Amino acid sequence: MKNGKNLTRTQKLVLLSRGLDPKERLISKKLPDMWLLVHRRTNRTFELWFDKTISSIRKYSDTATQLG
């Protein structure tokens, strides 16, 4: 059984944007490109992967809109 930690507010918002219920998940491991989540009741693990190229493009486009 993995020991999960409660989610932060930002992590909850990320899970909501991915269509997952943050009330049912705990975070077990946080890597730069992947989070390992644990379900509260069933203790099943779930890997949530991130694409670095998309997030870097999003950060660039956000700063470009703020500047001009």
C-alpha atoms as a PDB file:
ATOM      1  CA  MET A   1       0.000   0.000   0.000  1.00  0.00           C
ATOM      2  CA  LYS A   2       1.338   3.413  -0.999  1.00  0.00           C
ATOM      3  CA  ASN A   3       1.261   6.289   1.453  1.00  0.00           C
ATOM      4  CA  GLY A   4      -0.455   9.204  -0.239  1.00  0.00           C
ATOM      5  CA  LYS A   5      -0.467  12.854   0.767  1.00  0.00           C
ATOM      6  CA  ASN A   6      -3.297  15.346   0.487  1.00  0.00           C
ATOM      7  CA  LEU A   7      -3.370  17.458  -2.649  1.00  0.00           C
ATOM      8  CA  THR A   8      -2.562  21.153  -2.751  1.00  0.00           C
ATOM      9  CA  ARG A   9      -4.998  23.626  -4.264  1.00  0.00           C
ATOM     10  CA  THR A  10      -3.043  23.804  -7.529  1.00  0.00           C
ATOM     11  CA  GLN A  11      -2.904  20.010  -7.790  1.00  0.00           C
ATOM     12  CA  LYS A  12      -6.673  19.840  -7.253  1.00  0.00           C
ATOM     13  CA  LEU A  13      -7.209  22.289 -10.101  1.00  0.00           C
ATOM     14  CA  VAL A  14      -4.989  20.213 -12.393  1.00  0.00           C
ATOM     15  CA  LEU A  15      -6.975  17.071 -11.587  1.00  0.00           C
ATOM     16  CA  LEU A  16     -10.262  18.882 -12.212  1.00  0.00           C
ATOM     17  CA  SER A  17      -9.000  20.072 -15.596  1.00  0.00           C
ATOM     18  CA  ARG A  18      -8.142  16.451 -16.454  1.00  0.00           C
ATOM     19  CA  GLY A  19     -11.620  15.238 -15.470  1.00  0.00           C
ATOM     20  CA  LEU A  20     -10.573  13.489 -12.237  1.00  0.00           C
ATOM     21  CA  ASP A  21     -12.198  13.905  -8.827  1.00  0.00           C
ATOM     22  CA  PRO A  22      -9.604  15.350  -6.411  1.00  0.00           C
ATOM     23  CA  LYS A  23     -11.653  14.198  -3.416  1.00  0.00           C
ATOM     24  CA  GLU A  24     -10.937  10.583  -4.380  1.00  0.00           C
ATOM     25  CA  ARG A  25      -7.178  10.918  -5.023  1.00  0.00           C
ATOM     26  CA  LEU A  26      -3.990  11.270  -2.993  1.00  0.00           C
ATOM     27  CA  ILE A  27      -0.574  12.084  -4.429  1.00  0.00           C
ATOM     28  CA  SER A  28       2.112   9.490  -3.806  1.00  0.00           C
ATOM     29  CA  LYS A  29       4.973  10.697  -5.994  1.00  0.00           C
ATOM     30  CA  LYS A  30       5.524  13.961  -7.865  1.00  0.00           C
ATOM     31  CA  LEU A  31       8.052  14.003 -10.696  1.00  0.00           C
ATOM     32  CA  PRO A  32       8.566  16.796 -13.258  1.00  0.00           C
ATOM     33  CA  ASP A  33       6.721  14.887 -15.996  1.00  0.00           C
ATOM     34  CA  MET A  34       4.500  12.490 -13.999  1.00  0.00           C
ATOM     35  CA  TRP A  35       2.432  12.285 -10.810  1.00  0.00           C
ATOM     36  CA  LEU A  36       1.640   8.974  -9.161  1.00  0.00           C
ATOM     37  CA  LEU A  37      -1.847   9.169  -7.660  1.00  0.00           C
ATOM     38  CA  VAL A  38      -3.530   6.725  -5.274  1.00  0.00           C
ATOM     39  CA  HIS A  39      -7.285   6.225  -5.003  1.00  0.00           C
ATOM     40  CA  ARG A  40      -8.466   6.784  -1.418  1.00  0.00           C
ATOM     41  CA  ARG A  41     -10.748   3.751  -1.153  1.00  0.00           C
ATOM     42  CA  THR A  42      -9.364   1.149  -3.546  1.00  0.00           C
ATOM     43  CA  ASN A  43      -5.626   1.971  -3.180  1.00  0.00           C
ATOM     44  CA  ARG A  44      -5.213   1.638  -6.942  1.00  0.00           C
ATOM     45  CA  THR A  45      -2.409   3.702  -8.430  1.00  0.00           C
ATOM     46  CA  PHE A  46      -2.786   5.987 -11.430  1.00  0.00           C
ATOM     47  CA  GLU A  47      -0.049   7.737 -13.395  1.00  0.00           C
ATOM     48  CA  LEU A  48      -0.818  11.239 -14.638  1.00  0.00           C
ATOM     49  CA  TRP A  49       1.669  12.239 -17.348  1.00  0.00           C
ATOM     50  CA  PHE A  50       2.510  15.752 -18.487  1.00  0.00           C
ATOM     51  CA  ASP A  51       3.906  16.859 -21.835  1.00  0.00           C
ATOM     52  CA  LYS A  52       6.692  19.369 -21.245  1.00  0.00           C
ATOM     53  CA  THR A  53       6.545  20.816 -24.754  1.00  0.00           C
ATOM     54  CA  ILE A  54       2.896  21.861 -24.378  1.00  0.00           C
ATOM     55  CA  SER A  55       3.441  23.482 -20.971  1.00  0.00           C
ATOM     56  CA  SER A  56       6.500  25.374 -22.212  1.00  0.00           C
ATOM     57  CA  ILE A  57       4.537  26.636 -25.230  1.00  0.00           C
ATOM     58  CA  ARG A  58       1.677  27.672 -22.939  1.00  0.00           C
ATOM     59  CA  LYS A  59       4.055  29.590 -20.648  1.00  0.00           C
ATOM     60  CA  TYR A  60       5.583  31.353 -23.644  1.00  0.00           C
ATOM     61  CA  SER A  61       2.200  32.323 -25.085  1.00  0.00           C
ATOM     62  CA  ASP A  62       1.014  33.628 -21.689  1.00  0.00           C
ATOM     63  CA  THR A  63       4.019  35.945 -21.360  1.00  0.00           C
ATOM     64  CA  ALA A  64       3.662  37.116 -24.962  1.00  0.00           C
ATOM     65  CA  THR A  65       0.043  38.150 -24.402  1.00  0.00           C
ATOM     66  CA  GLN A  66       0.948  40.011 -21.210  1.00  0.00           C
ATOM     67  CA  LEU A  67       3.689  41.992 -22.924  1.00  0.00           C
ATOM     68  CA  GLY A  68       1.752  43.201 -25.890  1.00  0.00           C
END
